[in-house]
Amino acid sequence: MNPVLQRIQQFSAAEEFLDFFGVEYEPSVVHVNRLHILKRFNQYLNRTPITDDMDEATAMATCKGLLSQAHDDFVKSNAAQEKVFKVFQDQDSKSISLDSMKASLSTRGQRA
């Protein structure tokens, strides 16, 4: 495993990643979307792997760019639109209207 990736394995907070790579960020965006940003960063890393033989400067620059891109995705958008997690991906096919909820509740009330 590349030494840069080994170092970041111990991080737990989004801010640790952002600070380590020197990515400027908006605290309010990170506060609301920290898990989404890290998940997106991981998705970007999977598409652009950091190889074992990649030198540290290249690995750092690549990770910084990918993390910055992940952060910026949520500056311009939100978690529901970006659909990083399965719960948001499933939401499109299962939208429920207020009218259908009202009808369901009134039907349940009649059965009781």
PDB file of N, CA and C in Angstrom:
ATOM      1  N   MET A   1       0.850  -1.176   0.000  1.00  0.00           N
ATOM      2  CA  MET A   1       0.000   0.000   0.000  1.00  0.00           C
ATOM      3  C   MET A   1       0.895   1.239   0.000  1.00  0.00           C
ATOM      4  N   ASN A   2       0.474   2.221  -0.723  1.00  0.00           N
ATOM      5  CA  ASN A   2       1.231   3.472  -0.793  1.00  0.00           C
ATOM      6  C   ASN A   2       1.326   4.100   0.605  1.00  0.00           C
ATOM      7  N   PRO A   3       2.493   4.647   0.957  1.00  0.00           N
ATOM      8  CA  PRO A   3       2.671   5.255   2.291  1.00  0.00           C
ATOM      9  C   PRO A   3       1.663   6.361   2.613  1.00  0.00           C
ATOM     10  N   VAL A   4       1.247   7.122   1.615  1.00  0.00           N
ATOM     11  CA  VAL A   4       0.255   8.186   1.856  1.00  0.00           C
ATOM     12  C   VAL A   4      -1.066   7.553   2.298  1.00  0.00           C
ATOM     13  N   LEU A   5      -1.472   6.492   1.640  1.00  0.00           N
ATOM     14  CA  LEU A   5      -2.714   5.812   2.005  1.00  0.00           C
ATOM     15  C   LEU A   5      -2.587   5.145   3.373  1.00  0.00           C
ATOM     16  N   GLN A   6      -1.410   4.657   3.690  1.00  0.00           N
ATOM     17  CA  GLN A   6      -1.196   4.071   5.014  1.00  0.00           C
ATOM     18  C   GLN A   6      -1.383   5.121   6.108  1.00  0.00           C
ATOM     19  N   ARG A   7      -0.874   6.323   5.864  1.00  0.00           N
ATOM     20  CA  ARG A   7      -0.989   7.394   6.864  1.00  0.00           C
ATOM     21  C   ARG A   7      -2.433   7.808   7.107  1.00  0.00           C
ATOM     22  N   ILE A   8      -3.215   7.878   6.047  1.00  0.00           N
ATOM     23  CA  ILE A   8      -4.584   8.382   6.219  1.00  0.00           C
ATOM     24  C   ILE A   8      -5.531   7.327   6.778  1.00  0.00           C
ATOM     25  N   GLN A   9      -5.111   6.081   6.837  1.00  0.00           N
ATOM     26  CA  GLN A   9      -5.968   5.036   7.405  1.00  0.00           C
ATOM     27  C   GLN A   9      -6.314   5.293   8.864  1.00  0.00           C
ATOM     28  N   GLN A  10      -5.469   5.994   9.552  1.00  0.00           N
ATOM     29  CA  GLN A  10      -5.718   6.260  10.972  1.00  0.00           C
ATOM     30  C   GLN A  10      -6.649   7.449  11.202  1.00  0.00           C
ATOM     31  N   PHE A  11      -6.943   8.216  10.177  1.00  0.00           N
ATOM     32  CA  PHE A  11      -7.813   9.381  10.321  1.00  0.00           C
ATOM     33  C   PHE A  11      -9.258   8.938  10.509  1.00  0.00           C
ATOM     34  N   SER A  12      -9.996   9.728  11.272  1.00  0.00           N
ATOM     35  CA  SER A  12     -11.413   9.415  11.471  1.00  0.00           C
ATOM     36  C   SER A  12     -12.329  10.586  11.129  1.00  0.00           C
ATOM     37  N   ALA A  13     -11.836  11.794  11.186  1.00  0.00           N
ATOM     38  CA  ALA A  13     -12.668  12.973  10.925  1.00  0.00           C
ATOM     39  C   ALA A  13     -12.359  13.545   9.538  1.00  0.00           C
ATOM     40  N   ALA A  14     -13.380  14.018   8.883  1.00  0.00           N
ATOM     41  CA  ALA A  14     -13.209  14.617   7.558  1.00  0.00           C
ATOM     42  C   ALA A  14     -12.190  15.755   7.598  1.00  0.00           C
ATOM     43  N   GLU A  15     -12.227  16.515   8.680  1.00  0.00           N
ATOM     44  CA  GLU A  15     -11.294  17.639   8.808  1.00  0.00           C
ATOM     45  C   GLU A  15      -9.844  17.170   8.830  1.00  0.00           C
ATOM     46  N   GLU A  16      -9.593  15.995   9.406  1.00  0.00           N
ATOM     47  CA  GLU A  16      -8.232  15.454   9.417  1.00  0.00           C
ATOM     48  C   GLU A  16      -7.728  15.217   7.989  1.00  0.00           C
ATOM     49  N   PHE A  17      -8.569  14.656   7.156  1.00  0.00           N
ATOM     50  CA  PHE A  17      -8.213  14.418   5.759  1.00  0.00           C
ATOM     51  C   PHE A  17      -7.962  15.741   5.044  1.00  0.00           C
ATOM     52  N   LEU A  18      -8.900  16.657   5.203  1.00  0.00           N
ATOM     53  CA  LEU A  18      -8.808  17.950   4.518  1.00  0.00           C
ATOM     54  C   LEU A  18      -7.561  18.720   4.950  1.00  0.00           C
ATOM     55  N   ASP A  19      -7.278  18.721   6.240  1.00  0.00           N
ATOM     56  CA  ASP A  19      -6.095  19.416   6.749  1.00  0.00           C
ATOM     57  C   ASP A  19      -4.806  18.744   6.283  1.00  0.00           C
ATOM     58  N   PHE A  20      -4.770  17.425   6.317  1.00  0.00           N
ATOM     59  CA  PHE A  20      -3.579  16.680   5.909  1.00  0.00           C
ATOM     60  C   PHE A  20      -3.199  16.978   4.461  1.00  0.00           C
ATOM     61  N   PHE A  21      -4.203  17.018   3.593  1.00  0.00           N
ATOM     62  CA  PHE A  21      -3.939  17.262   2.175  1.00  0.00           C
ATOM     63  C   PHE A  21      -3.920  18.746   1.817  1.00  0.00           C
ATOM     64  N   GLY A  22      -4.201  19.602   2.795  1.00  0.00           N
ATOM     65  CA  GLY A  22      -4.159  21.034   2.552  1.00  0.00           C
ATOM     66  C   GLY A  22      -5.282  21.537   1.670  1.00  0.00           C
ATOM     67  N   VAL A  23      -6.444  20.921   1.806  1.00  0.00           N
ATOM     68  CA  VAL A  23      -7.613  21.319   1.020  1.00  0.00           C
ATOM     69  C   VAL A  23      -8.361  22.404   1.773  1.00  0.00           C
ATOM     70  N   GLU A  24      -8.578  23.527   1.118  1.00  0.00           N
ATOM     71  CA  GLU A  24      -9.405  24.575   1.721  1.00  0.00           C
ATOM     72  C   GLU A  24     -10.848  24.108   1.679  1.00  0.00           C
ATOM     73  N   TYR A  25     -11.564  24.338   2.776  1.00  0.00           N
ATOM     74  CA  TYR A  25     -12.935  23.851   2.837  1.00  0.00           C
ATOM     75  C   TYR A  25     -13.818  24.814   3.602  1.00  0.00           C
ATOM     76  N   GLU A  26     -15.119  24.649   3.346  1.00  0.00           N
ATOM     77  CA  GLU A  26     -16.116  25.430   4.055  1.00  0.00           C
ATOM     78  C   GLU A  26     -16.601  24.586   5.237  1.00  0.00           C
ATOM     79  N   PRO A  27     -16.331  25.024   6.457  1.00  0.00           N
ATOM     80  CA  PRO A  27     -16.738  24.226   7.633  1.00  0.00           C
ATOM     81  C   PRO A  27     -18.220  23.875   7.642  1.00  0.00           C
ATOM     82  N   SER A  28     -19.068  24.779   7.183  1.00  0.00           N
ATOM     83  CA  SER A  28     -20.506  24.491   7.198  1.00  0.00           C
ATOM     84  C   SER A  28     -20.861  23.351   6.238  1.00  0.00           C
ATOM     85  N   VAL A  29     -20.160  23.258   5.137  1.00  0.00           N
ATOM     86  CA  VAL A  29     -20.391  22.178   4.167  1.00  0.00           C
ATOM     87  C   VAL A  29     -19.910  20.854   4.752  1.00  0.00           C
ATOM     88  N   VAL A  30     -18.745  20.878   5.379  1.00  0.00           N
ATOM     89  CA  VAL A  30     -18.184  19.666   5.972  1.00  0.00           C
ATOM     90  C   VAL A  30     -19.045  19.199   7.143  1.00  0.00           C
ATOM     91  N   HIS A  31     -19.514  20.125   7.939  1.00  0.00           N
ATOM     92  CA  HIS A  31     -20.333  19.776   9.108  1.00  0.00           C
ATOM     93  C   HIS A  31     -21.566  18.964   8.693  1.00  0.00           C
ATOM     94  N   VAL A  32     -22.199  19.362   7.623  1.00  0.00           N
ATOM     95  CA  VAL A  32     -23.431  18.713   7.167  1.00  0.00           C
ATOM     96  C   VAL A  32     -23.155  17.475   6.321  1.00  0.00           C
ATOM     97  N   ASN A  33     -22.048  17.455   5.586  1.00  0.00           N
ATOM     98  CA  ASN A  33     -21.813  16.413   4.589  1.00  0.00           C
ATOM     99  C   ASN A  33     -20.553  15.579   4.803  1.00  0.00           C
ATOM    100  N   ARG A  34     -20.019  15.556   6.004  1.00  0.00           N
ATOM    101  CA  ARG A  34     -18.719  14.909   6.242  1.00  0.00           C
ATOM    102  C   ARG A  34     -18.657  13.478   5.738  1.00  0.00           C
ATOM    103  N   LEU A  35     -19.643  12.662   6.038  1.00  0.00           N
ATOM    104  CA  LEU A  35     -19.613  11.269   5.589  1.00  0.00           C
ATOM    105  C   LEU A  35     -19.761  11.163   4.076  1.00  0.00           C
ATOM    106  N   HIS A  36     -20.570  12.029   3.516  1.00  0.00           N
ATOM    107  CA  HIS A  36     -20.772  12.026   2.069  1.00  0.00           C
ATOM    108  C   HIS A  36     -19.479  12.410   1.344  1.00  0.00           C
ATOM    109  N   ILE A  37     -18.789  13.390   1.878  1.00  0.00           N
ATOM    110  CA  ILE A  37     -17.527  13.836   1.280  1.00  0.00           C
ATOM    111  C   ILE A  37     -16.499  12.708   1.322  1.00  0.00           C
ATOM    112  N   LEU A  38     -16.381  12.047   2.464  1.00  0.00           N
ATOM    113  CA  LEU A  38     -15.408  10.961   2.575  1.00  0.00           C
ATOM    114  C   LEU A  38     -15.781   9.768   1.699  1.00  0.00           C
ATOM    115  N   LYS A  39     -17.047   9.465   1.611  1.00  0.00           N
ATOM    116  CA  LYS A  39     -17.491   8.370   0.737  1.00  0.00           C
ATOM    117  C   LYS A  39     -17.192   8.711  -0.719  1.00  0.00           C
ATOM    118  N   ARG A  40     -17.478   9.947  -1.113  1.00  0.00           N
ATOM    119  CA  ARG A  40     -17.203  10.370  -2.493  1.00  0.00           C
ATOM    120  C   ARG A  40     -15.700  10.342  -2.766  1.00  0.00           C
ATOM    121  N   PHE A  41     -14.897  10.785  -1.816  1.00  0.00           N
ATOM    122  CA  PHE A  41     -13.437  10.727  -1.939  1.00  0.00           C
ATOM    123  C   PHE A  41     -13.006   9.280  -2.181  1.00  0.00           C
ATOM    124  N   ASN A  42     -13.566   8.360  -1.428  1.00  0.00           N
ATOM    125  CA  ASN A  42     -13.248   6.949  -1.608  1.00  0.00           C
ATOM    126  C   ASN A  42     -13.652   6.458  -2.998  1.00  0.00           C
ATOM    127  N   GLN A  43     -14.804   6.890  -3.483  1.00  0.00           N
ATOM    128  CA  GLN A  43     -15.238   6.520  -4.831  1.00  0.00           C
ATOM    129  C   GLN A  43     -14.248   7.044  -5.875  1.00  0.00           C
ATOM    130  N   TYR A  44     -13.812   8.291  -5.698  1.00  0.00           N
ATOM    131  CA  TYR A  44     -12.831   8.862  -6.625  1.00  0.00           C
ATOM    132  C   TYR A  44     -11.499   8.114  -6.549  1.00  0.00           C
ATOM    133  N   LEU A  45     -11.088   7.722  -5.344  1.00  0.00           N
ATOM    134  CA  LEU A  45      -9.845   6.951  -5.188  1.00  0.00           C
ATOM    135  C   LEU A  45      -9.936   5.599  -5.889  1.00  0.00           C
ATOM    136  N   ASN A  46     -11.097   4.997  -5.844  1.00  0.00           N
ATOM    137  CA  ASN A  46     -11.281   3.713  -6.519  1.00  0.00           C
ATOM    138  C   ASN A  46     -11.174   3.842  -8.034  1.00  0.00           C
ATOM    139  N   ARG A  47     -11.559   4.975  -8.564  1.00  0.00           N
ATOM    140  CA  ARG A  47     -11.460   5.223 -10.011  1.00  0.00           C
ATOM    141  C   ARG A  47     -10.068   5.666 -10.432  1.00  0.00           C
ATOM    142  N   THR A  48      -9.339   6.273  -9.512  1.00  0.00           N
ATOM    143  CA  THR A  48      -7.989   6.778  -9.778  1.00  0.00           C
ATOM    144  C   THR A  48      -7.068   6.215  -8.702  1.00  0.00           C
ATOM    145  N   PRO A  49      -6.702   4.958  -8.832  1.00  0.00           N
ATOM    146  CA  PRO A  49      -5.945   4.332  -7.749  1.00  0.00           C
ATOM    147  C   PRO A  49      -4.576   4.964  -7.513  1.00  0.00           C
ATOM    148  N   ILE A  50      -4.199   4.976  -6.257  1.00  0.00           N
ATOM    149  CA  ILE A  50      -2.866   5.410  -5.843  1.00  0.00           C
ATOM    150  C   ILE A  50      -2.035   4.123  -5.747  1.00  0.00           C
ATOM    151  N   THR A  51      -1.107   3.957  -6.654  1.00  0.00           N
ATOM    152  CA  THR A  51      -0.338   2.718  -6.712  1.00  0.00           C
ATOM    153  C   THR A  51       0.762   2.697  -5.657  1.00  0.00           C
ATOM    154  N   ASP A  52       1.218   1.499  -5.348  1.00  0.00           N
ATOM    155  CA  ASP A  52       2.273   1.315  -4.344  1.00  0.00           C
ATOM    156  C   ASP A  52       3.564   2.021  -4.739  1.00  0.00           C
ATOM    157  N   ASP A  53       3.838   2.051  -6.029  1.00  0.00           N
ATOM    158  CA  ASP A  53       5.104   2.632  -6.486  1.00  0.00           C
ATOM    159  C   ASP A  53       5.010   4.123  -6.820  1.00  0.00           C
ATOM    160  N   MET A  54       3.846   4.721  -6.615  1.00  0.00           N
ATOM    161  CA  MET A  54       3.684   6.155  -6.883  1.00  0.00           C
ATOM    162  C   MET A  54       4.475   6.949  -5.845  1.00  0.00           C
ATOM    163  N   ASP A  55       5.220   7.948  -6.295  1.00  0.00           N
ATOM    164  CA  ASP A  55       5.999   8.735  -5.332  1.00  0.00           C
ATOM    165  C   ASP A  55       5.062   9.575  -4.461  1.00  0.00           C
ATOM    166  N   GLU A  56       5.567   9.965  -3.304  1.00  0.00           N
ATOM    167  CA  GLU A  56       4.744  10.643  -2.302  1.00  0.00           C
ATOM    168  C   GLU A  56       4.152  11.957  -2.814  1.00  0.00           C
ATOM    169  N   ALA A  57       4.940  12.734  -3.524  1.00  0.00           N
ATOM    170  CA  ALA A  57       4.440  14.028  -4.022  1.00  0.00           C
ATOM    171  C   ALA A  57       3.274  13.828  -4.990  1.00  0.00           C
ATOM    172  N   THR A  58       3.381  12.842  -5.865  1.00  0.00           N
ATOM    173  CA  THR A  58       2.306  12.558  -6.827  1.00  0.00           C
ATOM    174  C   THR A  58       1.073  12.028  -6.106  1.00  0.00           C
ATOM    175  N   ALA A  59       1.289  11.128  -5.145  1.00  0.00           N
ATOM    176  CA  ALA A  59       0.165  10.577  -4.381  1.00  0.00           C
ATOM    177  C   ALA A  59      -0.547  11.682  -3.600  1.00  0.00           C
ATOM    178  N   MET A  60       0.225  12.546  -2.968  1.00  0.00           N
ATOM    179  CA  MET A  60      -0.371  13.651  -2.204  1.00  0.00           C
ATOM    180  C   MET A  60      -1.174  14.574  -3.122  1.00  0.00           C
ATOM    181  N   ALA A  61      -0.607  14.929  -4.255  1.00  0.00           N
ATOM    182  CA  ALA A  61      -1.287  15.832  -5.195  1.00  0.00           C
ATOM    183  C   ALA A  61      -2.556  15.196  -5.749  1.00  0.00           C
ATOM    184  N   THR A  62      -2.478  13.915  -6.057  1.00  0.00           N
ATOM    185  CA  THR A  62      -3.655  13.215  -6.582  1.00  0.00           C
ATOM    186  C   THR A  62      -4.753  13.166  -5.538  1.00  0.00           C
ATOM    187  N   CYS A  63      -4.402  12.778  -4.319  1.00  0.00           N
ATOM    188  CA  CYS A  63      -5.394  12.722  -3.238  1.00  0.00           C
ATOM    189  C   CYS A  63      -5.974  14.095  -2.938  1.00  0.00           C
ATOM    190  N   LYS A  64      -5.135  15.107  -2.934  1.00  0.00           N
ATOM    191  CA  LYS A  64      -5.620  16.466  -2.671  1.00  0.00           C
ATOM    192  C   LYS A  64      -6.644  16.867  -3.731  1.00  0.00           C
ATOM    193  N   GLY A  65      -6.351  16.594  -4.977  1.00  0.00           N
ATOM    194  CA  GLY A  65      -7.281  16.936  -6.046  1.00  0.00           C
ATOM    195  C   GLY A  65      -8.604  16.195  -5.929  1.00  0.00           C
ATOM    196  N   LEU A  66      -8.526  14.908  -5.613  1.00  0.00           N
ATOM    197  CA  LEU A  66      -9.740  14.103  -5.489  1.00  0.00           C
ATOM    198  C   LEU A  66     -10.577  14.519  -4.284  1.00  0.00           C
ATOM    199  N   LEU A  67      -9.907  14.800  -3.166  1.00  0.00           N
ATOM    200  CA  LEU A  67     -10.631  15.233  -1.971  1.00  0.00           C
ATOM    201  C   LEU A  67     -11.248  16.616  -2.176  1.00  0.00           C
ATOM    202  N   SER A  68     -10.521  17.480  -2.831  1.00  0.00           N
ATOM    203  CA  SER A  68     -11.046  18.813  -3.138  1.00  0.00           C
ATOM    204  C   SER A  68     -12.285  18.705  -4.032  1.00  0.00           C
ATOM    205  N   GLN A  69     -12.217  17.823  -5.006  1.00  0.00           N
ATOM    206  CA  GLN A  69     -13.355  17.601  -5.898  1.00  0.00           C
ATOM    207  C   GLN A  69     -14.550  17.049  -5.119  1.00  0.00           C
ATOM    208  N   ALA A  70     -14.293  16.107  -4.215  1.00  0.00           N
ATOM    209  CA  ALA A  70     -15.363  15.536  -3.397  1.00  0.00           C
ATOM    210  C   ALA A  70     -16.024  16.620  -2.541  1.00  0.00           C
ATOM    211  N   HIS A  71     -15.203  17.475  -1.924  1.00  0.00           N
ATOM    212  CA  HIS A  71     -15.741  18.575  -1.125  1.00  0.00           C
ATOM    213  C   HIS A  71     -16.577  19.502  -2.004  1.00  0.00           C
ATOM    214  N   ASP A  72     -16.030  19.878  -3.152  1.00  0.00           N
ATOM    215  CA  ASP A  72     -16.715  20.825  -4.032  1.00  0.00           C
ATOM    216  C   ASP A  72     -18.030  20.282  -4.571  1.00  0.00           C
ATOM    217  N   ASP A  73     -18.145  18.963  -4.702  1.00  0.00           N
ATOM    218  CA  ASP A  73     -19.418  18.368  -5.128  1.00  0.00           C
ATOM    219  C   ASP A  73     -20.545  18.795  -4.198  1.00  0.00           C
ATOM    220  N   PHE A  74     -20.229  18.929  -2.912  1.00  0.00           N
ATOM    221  CA  PHE A  74     -21.262  19.255  -1.931  1.00  0.00           C
ATOM    222  C   PHE A  74     -21.377  20.752  -1.660  1.00  0.00           C
ATOM    223  N   VAL A  75     -20.448  21.534  -2.183  1.00  0.00           N
ATOM    224  CA  VAL A  75     -20.599  22.989  -2.151  1.00  0.00           C
ATOM    225  C   VAL A  75     -21.645  23.376  -3.188  1.00  0.00           C
ATOM    226  N   LYS A  76     -21.608  22.709  -4.324  1.00  0.00           N
ATOM    227  CA  LYS A  76     -22.495  23.020  -5.446  1.00  0.00           C
ATOM    228  C   LYS A  76     -23.816  22.274  -5.382  1.00  0.00           C
ATOM    229  N   SER A  77     -23.908  21.259  -4.564  1.00  0.00           N
ATOM    230  CA  SER A  77     -25.067  20.380  -4.552  1.00  0.00           C
ATOM    231  C   SER A  77     -25.377  19.969  -3.112  1.00  0.00           C
ATOM    232  N   ASN A  78     -26.159  18.918  -2.964  1.00  0.00           N
ATOM    233  CA  ASN A  78     -26.443  18.402  -1.619  1.00  0.00           C
ATOM    234  C   ASN A  78     -26.475  16.883  -1.650  1.00  0.00           C
ATOM    235  N   ALA A  79     -26.591  16.282  -0.493  1.00  0.00           N
ATOM    236  CA  ALA A  79     -26.512  14.825  -0.372  1.00  0.00           C
ATOM    237  C   ALA A  79     -27.600  14.115  -1.177  1.00  0.00           C
ATOM    238  N   ALA A  80     -28.804  14.648  -1.154  1.00  0.00           N
ATOM    239  CA  ALA A  80     -29.899  14.008  -1.883  1.00  0.00           C
ATOM    240  C   ALA A  80     -29.653  14.037  -3.389  1.00  0.00           C
ATOM    241  N   GLN A  81     -29.089  15.118  -3.886  1.00  0.00           N
ATOM    242  CA  GLN A  81     -28.807  15.211  -5.322  1.00  0.00           C
ATOM    243  C   GLN A  81     -27.598  14.371  -5.727  1.00  0.00           C
ATOM    244  N   GLU A  82     -26.597  14.306  -4.887  1.00  0.00           N
ATOM    245  CA  GLU A  82     -25.368  13.576  -5.213  1.00  0.00           C
ATOM    246  C   GLU A  82     -25.533  12.063  -5.082  1.00  0.00           C
ATOM    247  N   LYS A  83     -26.437  11.628  -4.239  1.00  0.00           N
ATOM    248  CA  LYS A  83     -26.771  10.212  -4.092  1.00  0.00           C
ATOM    249  C   LYS A  83     -25.557   9.316  -3.854  1.00  0.00           C
ATOM    250  N   VAL A  84     -24.752   9.680  -2.877  1.00  0.00           N
ATOM    251  CA  VAL A  84     -23.557   8.899  -2.556  1.00  0.00           C
ATOM    252  C   VAL A  84     -23.937   7.606  -1.847  1.00  0.00           C
ATOM    253  N   PHE A  85     -24.892   7.688  -0.931  1.00  0.00           N
ATOM    254  CA  PHE A  85     -25.290   6.517  -0.156  1.00  0.00           C
ATOM    255  C   PHE A  85     -26.546   5.878  -0.739  1.00  0.00           C
ATOM    256  N   LYS A  86     -26.693   4.605  -0.518  1.00  0.00           N
ATOM    257  CA  LYS A  86     -27.781   3.819  -1.078  1.00  0.00           C
ATOM    258  C   LYS A  86     -29.157   4.383  -0.730  1.00  0.00           C
ATOM    259  N   VAL A  87     -29.324   4.881   0.459  1.00  0.00           N
ATOM    260  CA  VAL A  87     -30.625   5.409   0.864  1.00  0.00           C
ATOM    261  C   VAL A  87     -31.083   6.520  -0.092  1.00  0.00           C
ATOM    262  N   PHE A  88     -30.161   7.331  -0.581  1.00  0.00           N
ATOM    263  CA  PHE A  88     -30.516   8.393  -1.525  1.00  0.00           C
ATOM    264  C   PHE A  88     -30.688   7.844  -2.936  1.00  0.00           C
ATOM    265  N   GLN A  89     -29.961   6.782  -3.272  1.00  0.00           N
ATOM    266  CA  GLN A  89     -30.107   6.168  -4.589  1.00  0.00           C
ATOM    267  C   GLN A  89     -31.476   5.513  -4.706  1.00  0.00           C
ATOM    268  N   ASP A  90     -31.930   4.866  -3.638  1.00  0.00           N
ATOM    269  CA  ASP A  90     -33.227   4.198  -3.635  1.00  0.00           C
ATOM    270  C   ASP A  90     -34.385   5.178  -3.604  1.00  0.00           C
ATOM    271  N   GLN A  91     -34.157   6.364  -3.125  1.00  0.00           N
ATOM    272  CA  GLN A  91     -35.211   7.362  -2.949  1.00  0.00           C
ATOM    273  C   GLN A  91     -35.920   7.682  -4.260  1.00  0.00           C
ATOM    274  N   ASP A  92     -35.204   7.729  -5.397  1.00  0.00           N
ATOM    275  CA  ASP A  92     -35.811   8.090  -6.679  1.00  0.00           C
ATOM    276  C   ASP A  92     -36.948   7.153  -7.066  1.00  0.00           C
ATOM    277  N   SER A  93     -36.739   5.877  -6.889  1.00  0.00           N
ATOM    278  CA  SER A  93     -37.749   4.929  -7.329  1.00  0.00           C
ATOM    279  C   SER A  93     -38.880   4.755  -6.325  1.00  0.00           C
ATOM    280  N   LYS A  94     -38.766   5.356  -5.161  1.00  0.00           N
ATOM    281  CA  LYS A  94     -39.762   5.147  -4.118  1.00  0.00           C
ATOM    282  C   LYS A  94     -40.324   6.456  -3.582  1.00  0.00           C
ATOM    283  N   SER A  95     -40.530   7.415  -4.436  1.00  0.00           N
ATOM    284  CA  SER A  95     -41.088   8.657  -3.916  1.00  0.00           C
ATOM    285  C   SER A  95     -42.568   8.453  -3.593  1.00  0.00           C
ATOM    286  N   ILE A  96     -42.974   9.039  -2.512  1.00  0.00           N
ATOM    287  CA  ILE A  96     -44.342   8.868  -2.016  1.00  0.00           C
ATOM    288  C   ILE A  96     -44.990  10.242  -1.944  1.00  0.00           C
ATOM    289  N   SER A  97     -46.147  10.342  -2.526  1.00  0.00           N
ATOM    290  CA  SER A  97     -46.832  11.628  -2.509  1.00  0.00           C
ATOM    291  C   SER A  97     -47.610  11.790  -1.205  1.00  0.00           C
ATOM    292  N   LEU A  98     -47.879  13.022  -0.881  1.00  0.00           N
ATOM    293  CA  LEU A  98     -48.647  13.323   0.331  1.00  0.00           C
ATOM    294  C   LEU A  98     -50.057  12.746   0.215  1.00  0.00           C
ATOM    295  N   ASP A  99     -50.644  12.822  -0.978  1.00  0.00           N
ATOM    296  CA  ASP A  99     -51.991  12.281  -1.180  1.00  0.00           C
ATOM    297  C   ASP A  99     -52.043  10.779  -0.931  1.00  0.00           C
ATOM    298  N   SER A 100     -51.007  10.047  -1.390  1.00  0.00           N
ATOM    299  CA  SER A 100     -51.018   8.598  -1.164  1.00  0.00           C
ATOM    300  C   SER A 100     -50.852   8.278   0.318  1.00  0.00           C
ATOM    301  N   MET A 101     -50.110   9.112   1.032  1.00  0.00           N
ATOM    302  CA  MET A 101     -49.960   8.899   2.470  1.00  0.00           C
ATOM    303  C   MET A 101     -51.289   9.145   3.180  1.00  0.00           C
ATOM    304  N   LYS A 102     -52.001  10.211   2.788  1.00  0.00           N
ATOM    305  CA  LYS A 102     -53.294  10.513   3.398  1.00  0.00           C
ATOM    306  C   LYS A 102     -54.284   9.379   3.141  1.00  0.00           C
ATOM    307  N   ALA A 103     -54.279   8.880   1.911  1.00  0.00           N
ATOM    308  CA  ALA A 103     -55.195   7.788   1.560  1.00  0.00           C
ATOM    309  C   ALA A 103     -54.870   6.542   2.371  1.00  0.00           C
ATOM    310  N   SER A 104     -53.592   6.267   2.535  1.00  0.00           N
ATOM    311  CA  SER A 104     -53.166   5.101   3.306  1.00  0.00           C
ATOM    312  C   SER A 104     -53.594   5.236   4.761  1.00  0.00           C
ATOM    313  N   LEU A 105     -53.449   6.412   5.325  1.00  0.00           N
ATOM    314  CA  LEU A 105     -53.833   6.637   6.725  1.00  0.00           C
ATOM    315  C   LEU A 105     -55.335   6.512   6.932  1.00  0.00           C
ATOM    316  N   SER A 106     -56.107   7.043   5.981  1.00  0.00           N
ATOM    317  CA  SER A 106     -57.560   6.959   6.136  1.00  0.00           C
ATOM    318  C   SER A 106     -58.038   5.520   5.967  1.00  0.00           C
ATOM    319  N   THR A 107     -57.393   4.747   5.117  1.00  0.00           N
ATOM    320  CA  THR A 107     -57.734   3.336   4.953  1.00  0.00           C
ATOM    321  C   THR A 107     -57.417   2.568   6.223  1.00  0.00           C
ATOM    322  N   ARG A 108     -56.288   2.860   6.822  1.00  0.00           N
ATOM    323  CA  ARG A 108     -55.908   2.195   8.072  1.00  0.00           C
ATOM    324  C   ARG A 108     -56.865   2.559   9.188  1.00  0.00           C
ATOM    325  N   GLY A 109     -57.330   3.800   9.193  1.00  0.00           N
ATOM    326  CA  GLY A 109     -58.277   4.234  10.224  1.00  0.00           C
ATOM    327  C   GLY A 109     -59.604   3.510  10.116  1.00  0.00           C
ATOM    328  N   GLN A 110     -60.019   3.194   8.898  1.00  0.00           N
ATOM    329  CA  GLN A 110     -61.276   2.492   8.695  1.00  0.00           C
ATOM    330  C   GLN A 110     -61.192   1.041   9.164  1.00  0.00           C
ATOM    331  N   ARG A 111     -59.975   0.454   9.065  1.00  0.00           N
ATOM    332  CA  ARG A 111     -59.788  -0.940   9.464  1.00  0.00           C
ATOM    333  C   ARG A 111     -59.751  -1.075  10.995  1.00  0.00           C
ATOM    334  N   ALA A 112     -59.412  -0.025  11.692  1.00  0.00           N
ATOM    335  CA  ALA A 112     -59.230  -0.126  13.148  1.00  0.00           C
ATOM    336  C   ALA A 112     -60.499  -0.181  13.919  1.00  0.00           C
TER     337      ALA A 112
END
